[in-house]
Amino acid sequence: MWNVSDQRVNALGKYRLPLEFNERLGKASMVFGAPEEEILAQALREFLEKHGIRTSIHPES
């Protein structure tokens, strides 16, 4: 999974998830043994890549 330990944005503190998603995220965290932040980061990364949105924080020269 994508490591989010070096990232500055705290999505869990910034955005409110609907109760259903919050519960599903908690279950996924238990099943995969991964922090909720890491699961959200991976899901967001895959979504952005699927839609052709670049996720690099370092623009290419």
N, C-alpha and C. Protein backbone atom coordinates (compact mmCIF):
# COMPACT_ATOMS: atom_id res chain seq x y z
N MET A 1 0.83 -1.20 0.00
CA MET A 1 0.00 0.00 0.00
C MET A 1 0.87 1.25 0.00
N TRP A 2 0.28 2.31 -0.45
CA TRP A 2 0.97 3.59 -0.51
C TRP A 2 1.18 4.11 0.90
N ASN A 3 2.40 4.49 1.23
CA ASN A 3 2.72 4.98 2.56
C ASN A 3 2.37 6.46 2.67
N VAL A 4 1.59 6.81 3.67
CA VAL A 4 1.18 8.20 3.83
C VAL A 4 1.85 8.87 5.02
N SER A 5 2.81 8.20 5.63
CA SER A 5 3.41 8.75 6.85
C SER A 5 4.13 10.07 6.61
N ASP A 6 4.58 10.33 5.39
CA ASP A 6 5.30 11.57 5.11
C ASP A 6 4.41 12.66 4.52
N GLN A 7 3.13 12.45 4.47
CA GLN A 7 2.22 13.43 3.88
C GLN A 7 1.75 14.43 4.94
N ARG A 8 1.42 15.63 4.50
CA ARG A 8 1.04 16.70 5.41
C ARG A 8 -0.49 16.85 5.57
N VAL A 9 -1.25 16.34 4.63
CA VAL A 9 -2.70 16.51 4.66
C VAL A 9 -3.34 15.42 5.52
N ASN A 10 -4.18 15.82 6.43
CA ASN A 10 -4.89 14.87 7.28
C ASN A 10 -6.33 14.79 6.80
N ALA A 11 -6.61 13.86 5.90
CA ALA A 11 -7.94 13.77 5.30
C ALA A 11 -9.00 13.40 6.34
N LEU A 12 -8.64 12.55 7.30
CA LEU A 12 -9.64 12.14 8.29
C LEU A 12 -10.07 13.30 9.17
N GLY A 13 -9.18 14.24 9.43
CA GLY A 13 -9.52 15.38 10.25
C GLY A 13 -10.17 16.50 9.45
N LYS A 14 -9.97 16.51 8.15
CA LYS A 14 -10.46 17.60 7.32
C LYS A 14 -11.83 17.33 6.72
N TYR A 15 -12.08 16.10 6.37
CA TYR A 15 -13.33 15.76 5.69
C TYR A 15 -14.18 14.83 6.55
N ARG A 16 -15.47 15.07 6.52
CA ARG A 16 -16.39 14.19 7.24
C ARG A 16 -16.92 13.15 6.28
N LEU A 17 -16.85 11.90 6.69
CA LEU A 17 -17.36 10.81 5.87
C LEU A 17 -18.76 10.45 6.34
N PRO A 18 -19.64 10.07 5.42
CA PRO A 18 -20.94 9.56 5.84
C PRO A 18 -20.75 8.36 6.77
N LEU A 19 -21.68 8.14 7.66
CA LEU A 19 -21.57 7.07 8.65
C LEU A 19 -21.29 5.73 7.99
N GLU A 20 -21.97 5.44 6.87
CA GLU A 20 -21.76 4.16 6.18
C GLU A 20 -20.29 3.99 5.78
N PHE A 21 -19.70 5.04 5.19
CA PHE A 21 -18.31 4.95 4.76
C PHE A 21 -17.37 4.84 5.95
N ASN A 22 -17.69 5.57 7.01
CA ASN A 22 -16.86 5.52 8.21
C ASN A 22 -16.84 4.10 8.78
N GLU A 23 -18.00 3.46 8.83
CA GLU A 23 -18.08 2.08 9.33
C GLU A 23 -17.33 1.12 8.41
N ARG A 24 -17.50 1.29 7.11
CA ARG A 24 -16.81 0.41 6.15
C ARG A 24 -15.30 0.62 6.21
N LEU A 25 -14.88 1.85 6.41
CA LEU A 25 -13.45 2.14 6.53
C LEU A 25 -12.87 1.47 7.78
N GLY A 26 -13.61 1.52 8.87
CA GLY A 26 -13.16 0.86 10.09
C GLY A 26 -13.04 -0.64 9.91
N LYS A 27 -14.01 -1.25 9.23
CA LYS A 27 -13.96 -2.69 8.96
C LYS A 27 -12.79 -3.03 8.06
N ALA A 28 -12.57 -2.22 7.02
CA ALA A 28 -11.45 -2.46 6.10
C ALA A 28 -10.12 -2.36 6.84
N SER A 29 -10.04 -1.41 7.75
CA SER A 29 -8.82 -1.24 8.54
C SER A 29 -8.52 -2.50 9.36
N MET A 30 -9.57 -3.07 9.94
CA MET A 30 -9.39 -4.30 10.73
C MET A 30 -9.03 -5.47 9.83
N VAL A 31 -9.71 -5.62 8.70
CA VAL A 31 -9.48 -6.75 7.80
C VAL A 31 -8.07 -6.71 7.22
N PHE A 32 -7.64 -5.53 6.76
CA PHE A 32 -6.34 -5.41 6.12
C PHE A 32 -5.20 -5.14 7.10
N GLY A 33 -5.54 -4.80 8.33
CA GLY A 33 -4.51 -4.49 9.31
C GLY A 33 -3.72 -3.24 8.92
N ALA A 34 -4.41 -2.29 8.30
CA ALA A 34 -3.76 -1.06 7.85
C ALA A 34 -4.48 0.14 8.46
N PRO A 35 -3.74 1.22 8.69
CA PRO A 35 -4.37 2.44 9.21
C PRO A 35 -5.43 2.97 8.25
N GLU A 36 -6.46 3.58 8.79
CA GLU A 36 -7.52 4.16 7.96
C GLU A 36 -6.96 5.18 6.98
N GLU A 37 -5.99 5.97 7.41
CA GLU A 37 -5.38 6.98 6.54
C GLU A 37 -4.76 6.34 5.32
N GLU A 38 -4.11 5.19 5.51
CA GLU A 38 -3.44 4.52 4.41
C GLU A 38 -4.46 3.96 3.41
N ILE A 39 -5.57 3.44 3.92
CA ILE A 39 -6.62 2.91 3.04
C ILE A 39 -7.23 4.05 2.23
N LEU A 40 -7.52 5.17 2.87
CA LEU A 40 -8.08 6.32 2.15
C LEU A 40 -7.10 6.85 1.11
N ALA A 41 -5.84 6.93 1.47
CA ALA A 41 -4.83 7.43 0.52
C ALA A 41 -4.74 6.54 -0.70
N GLN A 42 -4.75 5.22 -0.48
CA GLN A 42 -4.66 4.29 -1.60
C GLN A 42 -5.91 4.39 -2.48
N ALA A 43 -7.07 4.46 -1.86
CA ALA A 43 -8.32 4.56 -2.64
C ALA A 43 -8.35 5.85 -3.45
N LEU A 44 -7.93 6.95 -2.85
CA LEU A 44 -7.92 8.22 -3.56
C LEU A 44 -6.90 8.20 -4.69
N ARG A 45 -5.75 7.64 -4.44
CA ARG A 45 -4.72 7.54 -5.48
C ARG A 45 -5.24 6.74 -6.68
N GLU A 46 -5.87 5.59 -6.42
CA GLU A 46 -6.41 4.76 -7.50
C GLU A 46 -7.51 5.49 -8.26
N PHE A 47 -8.37 6.21 -7.55
CA PHE A 47 -9.45 6.97 -8.19
C PHE A 47 -8.87 8.05 -9.11
N LEU A 48 -7.90 8.80 -8.61
CA LEU A 48 -7.31 9.87 -9.40
C LEU A 48 -6.59 9.32 -10.62
N GLU A 49 -5.86 8.23 -10.46
CA GLU A 49 -5.16 7.62 -11.59
C GLU A 49 -6.16 7.10 -12.62
N LYS A 50 -7.26 6.51 -12.15
CA LYS A 50 -8.29 5.98 -13.06
C LYS A 50 -8.86 7.09 -13.94
N HIS A 51 -8.97 8.28 -13.38
CA HIS A 51 -9.55 9.40 -14.11
C HIS A 51 -8.49 10.31 -14.74
N GLY A 52 -7.26 9.84 -14.78
CA GLY A 52 -6.19 10.57 -15.46
C GLY A 52 -5.70 11.82 -14.77
N ILE A 53 -5.91 11.90 -13.47
CA ILE A 53 -5.45 13.06 -12.71
C ILE A 53 -4.11 12.72 -12.08
N ARG A 54 -3.09 13.50 -12.41
CA ARG A 54 -1.75 13.23 -11.91
C ARG A 54 -1.70 13.45 -10.40
N THR A 55 -1.00 12.56 -9.69
CA THR A 55 -0.92 12.68 -8.24
C THR A 55 0.47 13.06 -7.76
N SER A 56 1.40 13.28 -8.67
CA SER A 56 2.76 13.62 -8.28
C SER A 56 2.79 15.01 -7.65
N ILE A 57 3.46 15.13 -6.51
CA ILE A 57 3.60 16.44 -5.87
C ILE A 57 4.82 17.17 -6.40
N HIS A 58 5.64 16.48 -7.19
CA HIS A 58 6.83 17.07 -7.78
C HIS A 58 6.64 17.14 -9.29
N PRO A 59 6.29 18.32 -9.82
CA PRO A 59 6.07 18.43 -11.27
C PRO A 59 7.34 18.09 -12.05
N GLU A 60 7.13 17.45 -13.19
CA GLU A 60 8.27 17.10 -14.03
C GLU A 60 8.82 18.34 -14.70
N SER A 61 10.12 18.37 -14.89
CA SER A 61 10.75 19.52 -15.54
C SER A 61 10.63 19.43 -17.04
